[in-house]
Protein backbone atom coordinates (compact mmCIF):
# COMPACT_ATOMS: atom_id res chain seq x y z
CA MET A 1 5.28 -0.33 -18.83
CA ARG A 2 7.39 2.68 -17.79
CA ILE A 3 5.85 4.72 -20.56
CA LEU A 4 2.31 3.87 -19.29
CA ASP A 5 3.43 4.79 -15.79
CA ILE A 6 4.60 8.25 -16.91
CA LEU A 7 1.52 8.91 -19.04
CA ILE A 8 -1.08 7.72 -16.48
CA SER A 9 0.62 9.24 -13.39
CA GLY A 10 1.16 12.59 -15.19
CA LEU A 11 -2.44 12.72 -16.27
CA GLY A 12 -3.59 11.68 -12.82
CA LEU A 13 -1.64 14.48 -11.16
CA VAL A 14 -3.17 17.08 -13.53
CA ILE A 15 -6.72 15.79 -12.98
CA LEU A 16 -6.32 15.50 -9.20
CA ALA A 17 -4.70 18.91 -8.70
CA PRO A 18 -8.06 20.56 -7.80
CA LEU A 19 -8.55 17.84 -5.09
CA PHE A 20 -5.07 18.25 -3.70
CA LEU A 21 -5.47 21.97 -2.92
CA PRO A 22 -8.35 21.76 -0.42
CA ILE A 23 -6.73 18.72 1.23
CA THR A 24 -3.47 20.63 1.58
CA ILE A 25 -5.28 23.52 3.20
CA LEU A 26 -7.24 21.21 5.49
CA LEU A 27 -4.15 19.41 6.69
CA LYS A 28 -2.30 22.60 7.28
CA LEU A 29 -5.11 23.87 9.56
CA THR A 30 -5.64 20.63 11.49
CA GLY A 31 -3.61 18.09 13.48
CA GLU A 32 0.03 18.94 13.60
CA GLY A 33 -0.12 21.17 10.46
CA GLU A 34 1.87 18.63 8.37
CA ILE A 35 0.87 18.21 4.73
CA PHE A 36 3.06 15.39 3.53
CA PHE A 37 4.50 12.46 5.23
CA MET A 38 7.74 11.27 3.61
CA GLN A 39 9.23 8.02 4.65
CA GLU A 40 12.11 5.86 3.42
CA ARG A 41 10.95 2.76 1.58
CA ILE A 42 12.83 -0.13 -0.15
CA GLY A 43 12.65 0.07 -3.90
CA ARG A 44 13.97 -1.69 -6.94
CA ASN A 45 17.42 -3.25 -6.53
CA GLY A 46 17.09 -2.46 -2.77
CA GLU A 47 17.51 1.26 -3.42
CA VAL A 48 15.95 3.48 -0.72
CA PHE A 49 13.63 6.30 -1.78
CA LYS A 50 11.34 8.80 -0.11
CA LEU A 51 7.68 7.84 -0.48
CA PHE A 52 5.06 10.65 -0.45
CA LYS A 53 1.76 10.42 1.38
CA PHE A 54 -0.64 12.96 2.77
CA ALA A 55 0.05 13.22 6.52
CA THR A 56 -2.50 11.13 8.48
CA MET A 57 -0.69 10.23 11.64
CA LEU A 58 1.29 11.95 14.40
CA LYS A 59 4.60 13.25 13.12
CA ASN A 60 6.64 10.92 15.35
CA SER A 61 4.46 7.88 14.77
CA PRO A 62 7.30 5.70 13.22
CA ASN A 63 9.16 5.81 16.54
CA ILE A 64 6.20 5.17 18.90
CA GLY A 65 3.70 2.32 19.51
CA SER A 66 3.80 -0.38 16.81
CA ARG A 67 6.19 1.77 14.76
CA SER A 68 5.81 1.13 11.00
CA ILE A 69 2.91 -1.32 11.47
CA THR A 70 -0.48 0.31 11.73
CA MET A 71 -3.20 -1.36 13.90
CA ASN A 72 -6.96 -1.07 13.75
CA ASN A 73 -8.11 2.14 15.54
CA ASP A 74 -4.50 3.09 15.89
CA PRO A 75 -4.37 6.07 18.36
CA ARG A 76 -1.59 7.71 16.30
CA VAL A 77 -4.05 8.38 13.35
CA LEU A 78 -5.35 11.96 13.31
CA PRO A 79 -9.13 12.58 12.78
CA VAL A 80 -8.79 13.90 9.29
CA GLY A 81 -6.17 11.29 8.59
CA SER A 82 -8.70 8.53 9.35
CA ILE A 83 -10.92 9.72 6.51
CA LEU A 84 -8.00 10.02 4.06
CA ARG A 85 -6.87 6.47 4.94
CA LYS A 86 -10.29 4.89 4.57
CA THR A 87 -10.76 6.46 1.12
CA LYS A 88 -7.09 5.78 0.16
CA ILE A 89 -6.74 9.45 -0.79
CA ASN A 90 -3.66 9.66 1.40
CA GLU A 91 -1.87 7.36 -1.10
CA LEU A 92 -2.42 9.65 -4.14
CA PRO A 93 0.73 11.80 -3.73
CA GLN A 94 2.58 8.66 -4.61
CA LEU A 95 1.75 9.48 -8.23
CA LEU A 96 4.81 11.82 -7.86
CA ASN A 97 6.91 8.74 -7.04
CA VAL A 98 5.53 6.94 -10.04
CA PHE A 99 6.20 9.93 -12.36
CA MET A 100 9.75 10.29 -11.04
CA GLY A 101 10.48 6.58 -11.54
CA ASP A 102 10.81 5.46 -7.88
CA MET A 103 7.63 3.39 -8.30
CA SER A 104 5.28 1.85 -10.87
CA LEU A 105 1.49 2.20 -10.80
CA ILE A 106 1.33 -1.60 -10.25
CA GLY A 107 3.83 -3.66 -8.27
CA PRO A 108 4.68 -5.05 -4.82
CA ARG A 109 3.90 -2.56 -2.08
CA PRO A 110 7.02 -0.56 -1.05
CA LEU A 111 7.77 -1.26 2.62
CA THR A 112 9.89 0.24 5.33
CA ARG A 113 13.14 -1.64 6.04
CA GLU A 114 11.56 -2.92 9.27
CA THR A 115 8.56 -4.53 7.54
CA PHE A 116 10.54 -5.54 4.39
CA GLU A 117 12.86 -7.56 6.59
CA ALA A 118 9.89 -9.53 7.82
CA TYR A 119 10.00 -11.28 4.45
CA GLN A 120 12.29 -14.28 3.99
CA ALA A 121 15.65 -13.49 2.26
CA GLU A 122 14.62 -15.18 -0.98
CA THR A 123 11.29 -13.29 -1.04
CA GLN A 124 13.13 -10.04 -0.62
CA LYS A 125 15.52 -10.92 -3.47
CA ILE A 126 12.61 -11.58 -5.87
CA ILE A 127 10.62 -8.47 -4.89
CA LYS A 128 13.66 -6.26 -5.39
CA THR A 129 13.81 -7.17 -9.07
CA VAL A 130 10.88 -4.87 -9.95
CA ARG A 131 9.65 -1.36 -9.11
CA PRO A 132 7.29 -1.22 -6.15
CA GLY A 133 3.77 -0.18 -6.92
CA LEU A 134 1.17 2.36 -5.85
CA SER A 135 -1.17 -0.66 -5.91
CA GLY A 136 -0.76 -4.33 -6.57
CA VAL A 137 -2.03 -7.79 -5.73
CA GLY A 138 -0.79 -7.50 -2.14
CA SER A 139 -2.38 -4.08 -1.77
CA ILE A 140 -5.78 -5.31 -2.98
CA ILE A 141 -5.89 -8.51 -0.99
CA PHE A 142 -4.74 -6.76 2.20
CA ARG A 143 -6.70 -3.60 1.70
CA HIS A 144 -8.24 -4.15 5.16
CA GLU A 145 -4.91 -4.83 6.80
CA GLU A 146 -5.53 -2.45 9.65
CA LYS A 147 -8.84 -4.17 10.45
CA ILE A 148 -7.10 -7.61 10.30
CA MET A 149 -4.58 -6.25 12.86
CA SER A 150 -7.18 -5.92 15.54
CA GLY A 151 -8.26 -7.62 18.77
CA GLU A 152 -5.94 -10.56 19.77
CA ASP A 153 -4.18 -10.20 16.39
CA ALA A 154 -3.09 -6.61 17.00
CA SER A 155 0.52 -7.45 17.39
CA THR A 156 3.81 -7.30 15.41
CA ASP A 157 4.18 -11.06 15.96
CA PHE A 158 0.98 -11.70 14.02
CA TYR A 159 2.24 -9.51 11.22
CA ILE A 160 5.62 -11.24 11.02
CA ASP A 161 4.39 -14.80 11.51
CA VAL A 162 1.12 -14.76 9.52
CA ILE A 163 0.63 -11.67 7.32
CA ALA A 164 4.19 -11.22 5.98
CA PRO A 165 4.63 -14.79 4.72
CA TYR A 166 1.36 -14.79 2.79
CA LYS A 167 1.84 -11.28 1.49
CA GLY A 168 5.27 -12.32 0.34
CA LYS A 169 3.70 -15.19 -1.66
CA LEU A 170 1.38 -12.82 -3.35
CA GLU A 171 4.17 -10.42 -4.32
CA ILE A 172 6.25 -13.39 -5.66
CA TRP A 173 3.17 -14.51 -7.64
CA PHE A 174 2.91 -10.98 -9.18
CA VAL A 175 6.57 -10.89 -10.23
CA ALA A 176 6.20 -14.31 -11.93
CA ASN A 177 2.98 -13.37 -13.73
CA ARG A 178 3.56 -9.71 -14.73
CA SER A 179 1.96 -8.66 -18.00
CA ILE A 180 0.19 -5.72 -19.65
CA TYR A 181 -3.14 -7.50 -19.02
CA LEU A 182 -2.42 -7.95 -15.31
CA TYR A 183 -1.27 -4.31 -15.13
CA PHE A 184 -4.62 -3.03 -16.33
CA LEU A 185 -6.68 -5.64 -14.46
CA ILE A 186 -5.12 -4.59 -11.15
CA ILE A 187 -5.72 -0.91 -11.94
CA PHE A 188 -9.39 -1.76 -12.53
CA LEU A 189 -9.63 -3.98 -9.38
CA THR A 190 -8.01 -1.26 -7.31
CA ILE A 191 -10.70 1.20 -8.34
CA TRP A 192 -13.37 -1.46 -7.81
CA VAL A 193 -12.45 -2.35 -4.21
CA VAL A 194 -12.17 1.35 -3.26
CA ILE A 195 -15.84 1.74 -4.36
CA ILE A 196 -16.96 -1.66 -3.07
CA PRO A 197 -14.50 -2.51 -0.26
CA ARG A 198 -16.14 -5.82 0.71
CA SER A 199 -16.16 -7.22 -2.88
CA SER A 200 -14.64 -10.66 -3.51
CA LEU A 201 -14.10 -9.85 -7.26
CA PRO A 202 -10.30 -9.94 -6.96
CA TRP A 203 -10.41 -13.63 -6.06
CA THR A 204 -12.78 -14.33 -8.97
CA ALA A 205 -10.83 -12.25 -11.49
CA ILE A 206 -7.46 -13.76 -10.50
CA ARG A 207 -8.14 -17.43 -9.72
CA SER A 208 -4.54 -18.56 -9.62
CA LEU A 209 -3.57 -16.53 -6.50
CA PRO A 210 -1.81 -18.49 -3.71
CA GLU A 211 -4.17 -19.97 -1.21
CA PRO A 212 -4.29 -17.96 2.08
CA PRO A 213 -3.44 -19.79 5.33
CA VAL A 214 -6.31 -20.90 7.53
CA THR A 215 -5.54 -18.19 10.07
CA LEU A 216 -6.25 -15.51 7.40
CA LYS A 217 -9.05 -17.08 5.44
CA ASN A 218 -11.86 -15.70 7.67
CA LYS A 219 -10.26 -12.30 7.74
CA LEU A 220 -9.88 -11.73 4.00
CA THR A 221 -12.69 -10.97 1.64
CA LEU A 222 -12.87 -14.18 -0.32
């Protein structure tokens, strides 16, 4: 799959170059003038790498508020950043990480050490056997994670006690079921849910996904 990652990410970077230029200029002229946000994430075999994103939040956001967990209507998100996050455009610079070999196009979402350690030790061990992904099963199912983390559930405890355990099950499921077919299916589903965010197609297309806990069923698009 590494060859596919190189070919697709390289082609994507070439095609998206005209889009990156105006975004770069816009970010430079707004907010804090930062273009990229680079943050340490946990990768394959537990190796730490710098993940690239377009800057969408205050520069010091990892050290204030809910730290590496983003809530709904998070005050740390900049106005332009809000648009980039909703459209997932802020994630596109990670094609560089894919091209360089830090990540795959499809895999478990790369997390900060703080959020990664919310997983149980055995879950961490399994996830670290593969490259993290630009998208994946966990990314698709929790595409509205910021909205889920709202109201009375806008807390780090809710993330640690409810979201992290189920997300971990999804990532373990992915590692156990990896295939070329699933690779391309998740690419398709990623594009699909960006266009139609409220679609329940992922649950229809991948029927063997672990059942979500009751506390999440009404919050996920089933």
